[in-house]
Amino acid sequence: MLGDEVFAMLSYALLTVSVVVLFITFDLRMTFFVVSVVLLVVLYMTAICHYWGLYMNNIFAVNLTFALGIAVDYSVHIAHKYLTITPPKTLTSNKEMREYKTSKAISVMGSGVFHGGFSTLLAVSVLGFAKLFTFTVFFKTWFTMIIFGLLNGLIF
């Protein structure tokens, strides 16, 4: 029955994420992209952790909740910067404006997001040498959420 509770928790959390991101960005398309990134990170986490032999327990469920926040953090900064950049008047087509805004958003916010994720990864990497089950689960879930959160947030 823990799986049903976790599914309900994730559903409520994703609904909350959707409302908050929509409130921050006021853009349905960007909200869809951010929520898609969050869903992908949770999906990747469950798949990789299944591969690593972890099962659904309280520790994993709590870390899935953290994954929602981390994935939002990595993607919403870039999404917000994309929405607030004003392209120059010399760009005439929508494609040129989107490419300009994308490159500026990644160049301005991408390094900060990457450095934040990398420093978190360094802090969590110490737990990779632990023998306790709790620390092993914590390391595997955080390693997965940071790597996939950064990849999806910066690339997708």
Protein backbone atom coordinates (compact mmCIF):
# COMPACT_ATOMS: atom_id res chain seq x y z
CA MET A 1 0.00 0.00 0.00
CA LEU A 2 2.99 2.34 0.27
CA GLY A 3 2.98 2.65 -3.54
CA ASP A 4 -0.57 4.02 -3.55
CA GLU A 5 0.33 6.58 -0.90
CA VAL A 6 3.43 7.64 -2.80
CA PHE A 7 1.44 7.94 -6.03
CA ALA A 8 -1.13 10.14 -4.28
CA MET A 9 1.63 12.24 -2.72
CA LEU A 10 3.35 12.72 -6.08
CA SER A 11 0.06 13.62 -7.74
CA TYR A 12 -0.65 16.33 -5.17
CA ALA A 13 2.94 17.54 -5.39
CA LEU A 14 2.82 17.77 -9.19
CA LEU A 15 -0.45 19.67 -9.00
CA THR A 16 1.15 22.07 -6.53
CA VAL A 17 4.24 22.42 -8.73
CA SER A 18 2.01 23.19 -11.72
CA VAL A 19 0.11 25.90 -9.87
CA VAL A 20 3.24 27.51 -8.43
CA VAL A 21 5.15 27.47 -11.72
CA LEU A 22 2.13 28.86 -13.55
CA PHE A 23 1.92 31.61 -10.94
CA ILE A 24 5.64 32.40 -11.33
CA THR A 25 5.80 32.32 -15.12
CA PHE A 26 2.23 33.18 -16.21
CA ASP A 27 2.94 31.03 -19.26
CA LEU A 28 1.17 27.73 -19.94
CA ARG A 29 3.79 26.50 -22.39
CA MET A 30 6.66 27.11 -19.97
CA THR A 31 4.68 25.53 -17.13
CA PHE A 32 4.16 22.46 -19.30
CA PHE A 33 7.92 22.24 -19.99
CA VAL A 34 8.87 22.60 -16.32
CA VAL A 35 6.30 20.04 -15.19
CA SER A 36 7.51 17.70 -17.96
CA VAL A 37 11.07 18.02 -16.66
CA VAL A 38 9.86 17.23 -13.15
CA LEU A 39 7.94 14.19 -14.35
CA LEU A 40 10.94 12.95 -16.31
CA VAL A 41 13.25 13.29 -13.31
CA VAL A 42 10.84 11.32 -11.11
CA LEU A 43 10.48 8.69 -13.83
CA TYR A 44 14.25 8.44 -14.26
CA MET A 45 14.73 8.19 -10.51
CA THR A 46 12.31 5.33 -10.14
CA ALA A 47 13.81 3.51 -13.13
CA ILE A 48 17.45 3.90 -12.12
CA CYS A 49 16.80 3.11 -8.48
CA HIS A 50 14.93 -0.02 -9.52
CA TYR A 51 18.01 -0.92 -11.55
CA TRP A 52 20.17 -0.29 -8.46
CA GLY A 53 18.01 -2.67 -6.44
CA LEU A 54 16.21 -0.10 -4.32
CA TYR A 55 12.58 -0.58 -3.49
CA MET A 56 9.78 1.73 -2.45
CA ASN A 57 10.19 2.61 1.21
CA ASN A 58 9.86 5.71 3.35
CA ILE A 59 13.38 6.94 2.60
CA PHE A 60 12.88 6.62 -1.15
CA ALA A 61 9.48 8.31 -0.96
CA VAL A 62 10.89 11.29 0.92
CA ASN A 63 13.70 11.59 -1.61
CA LEU A 64 11.17 11.54 -4.46
CA THR A 65 9.58 14.57 -2.84
CA PHE A 66 12.97 16.27 -2.73
CA ALA A 67 13.43 15.37 -6.39
CA LEU A 68 10.37 17.40 -7.27
CA GLY A 69 11.87 20.49 -5.68
CA ILE A 70 15.33 19.95 -7.11
CA ALA A 71 13.98 19.40 -10.63
CA VAL A 72 11.84 22.52 -10.39
CA ASP A 73 14.82 24.49 -9.13
CA TYR A 74 17.06 23.44 -12.00
CA SER A 75 14.52 24.16 -14.72
CA VAL A 76 12.43 27.10 -13.52
CA HIS A 77 15.41 29.47 -13.22
CA ILE A 78 16.23 28.99 -16.88
CA ALA A 79 12.55 29.12 -17.88
CA HIS A 80 12.02 32.37 -15.99
CA LYS A 81 15.13 33.93 -17.53
CA TYR A 82 13.94 32.84 -20.98
CA LEU A 83 10.62 34.59 -20.40
CA THR A 84 12.16 37.82 -19.10
CA ILE A 85 14.77 38.34 -21.84
CA THR A 86 13.77 40.89 -24.46
CA PRO A 87 15.23 40.10 -27.87
CA PRO A 88 16.70 42.96 -29.91
CA LYS A 89 14.51 44.63 -32.51
CA THR A 90 16.82 43.47 -35.31
CA LEU A 91 15.52 39.91 -35.00
CA THR A 92 12.46 39.53 -37.18
CA SER A 93 11.40 35.88 -37.17
CA ASN A 94 10.05 33.95 -34.23
CA LYS A 95 12.74 31.31 -34.70
CA GLU A 96 15.53 33.91 -34.41
CA MET A 97 13.93 35.41 -31.30
CA ARG A 98 13.52 31.97 -29.65
CA GLU A 99 17.12 31.02 -30.46
CA TYR A 100 18.41 34.32 -29.08
CA LYS A 101 16.35 34.03 -25.90
CA THR A 102 17.40 30.39 -25.42
CA SER A 103 21.10 31.12 -25.82
CA LYS A 104 20.91 34.13 -23.49
CA ALA A 105 18.95 32.22 -20.84
CA ILE A 106 21.45 29.35 -20.87
CA SER A 107 24.47 31.67 -20.86
CA VAL A 108 23.12 33.83 -18.02
CA MET A 109 21.49 31.22 -15.76
CA GLY A 110 23.02 27.97 -17.01
CA SER A 111 26.34 28.37 -15.24
CA GLY A 112 24.67 29.24 -11.92
CA VAL A 113 22.35 26.25 -12.17
CA PHE A 114 25.24 23.98 -13.12
CA HIS A 115 27.46 25.19 -10.27
CA GLY A 116 24.62 24.79 -7.77
CA GLY A 117 23.96 21.24 -8.94
CA PHE A 118 27.64 20.33 -9.06
CA SER A 119 28.29 21.61 -5.54
CA THR A 120 25.31 19.64 -4.27
CA LEU A 121 26.64 16.57 -6.05
CA LEU A 122 30.03 17.02 -4.39
CA ALA A 123 28.39 17.31 -0.98
CA VAL A 124 26.31 14.17 -1.51
CA SER A 125 29.17 12.15 -3.06
CA VAL A 126 30.67 11.51 0.37
CA LEU A 127 27.67 9.31 1.13
CA GLY A 128 28.65 6.99 -1.73
CA PHE A 129 31.21 5.37 0.54
CA ALA A 130 28.78 4.74 3.39
CA LYS A 131 27.80 1.25 4.48
CA LEU A 132 24.49 2.12 6.15
CA PHE A 133 21.38 1.40 4.10
CA THR A 134 19.87 4.83 4.77
CA PHE A 135 22.93 6.66 3.51
CA THR A 136 23.22 4.37 0.49
CA VAL A 137 19.61 5.07 -0.49
CA PHE A 138 20.14 8.78 0.12
CA PHE A 139 23.26 8.83 -2.06
CA LYS A 140 21.71 6.87 -4.94
CA THR A 141 18.53 8.92 -5.04
CA TRP A 142 20.25 12.29 -4.73
CA PHE A 143 22.91 11.36 -7.27
CA THR A 144 20.17 10.39 -9.71
CA MET A 145 18.03 13.46 -9.09
CA ILE A 146 20.96 15.85 -9.44
CA ILE A 147 22.33 14.32 -12.63
CA PHE A 148 18.98 13.99 -14.37
CA GLY A 149 17.69 17.27 -12.97
CA LEU A 150 20.69 19.11 -14.38
CA LEU A 151 20.57 17.31 -17.72
CA ASN A 152 16.86 17.88 -18.19
CA GLY A 153 16.93 21.42 -16.82
CA LEU A 154 19.84 22.56 -18.98
CA ILE A 155 19.13 20.59 -22.16
CA PHE A 156 15.37 20.05 -22.36
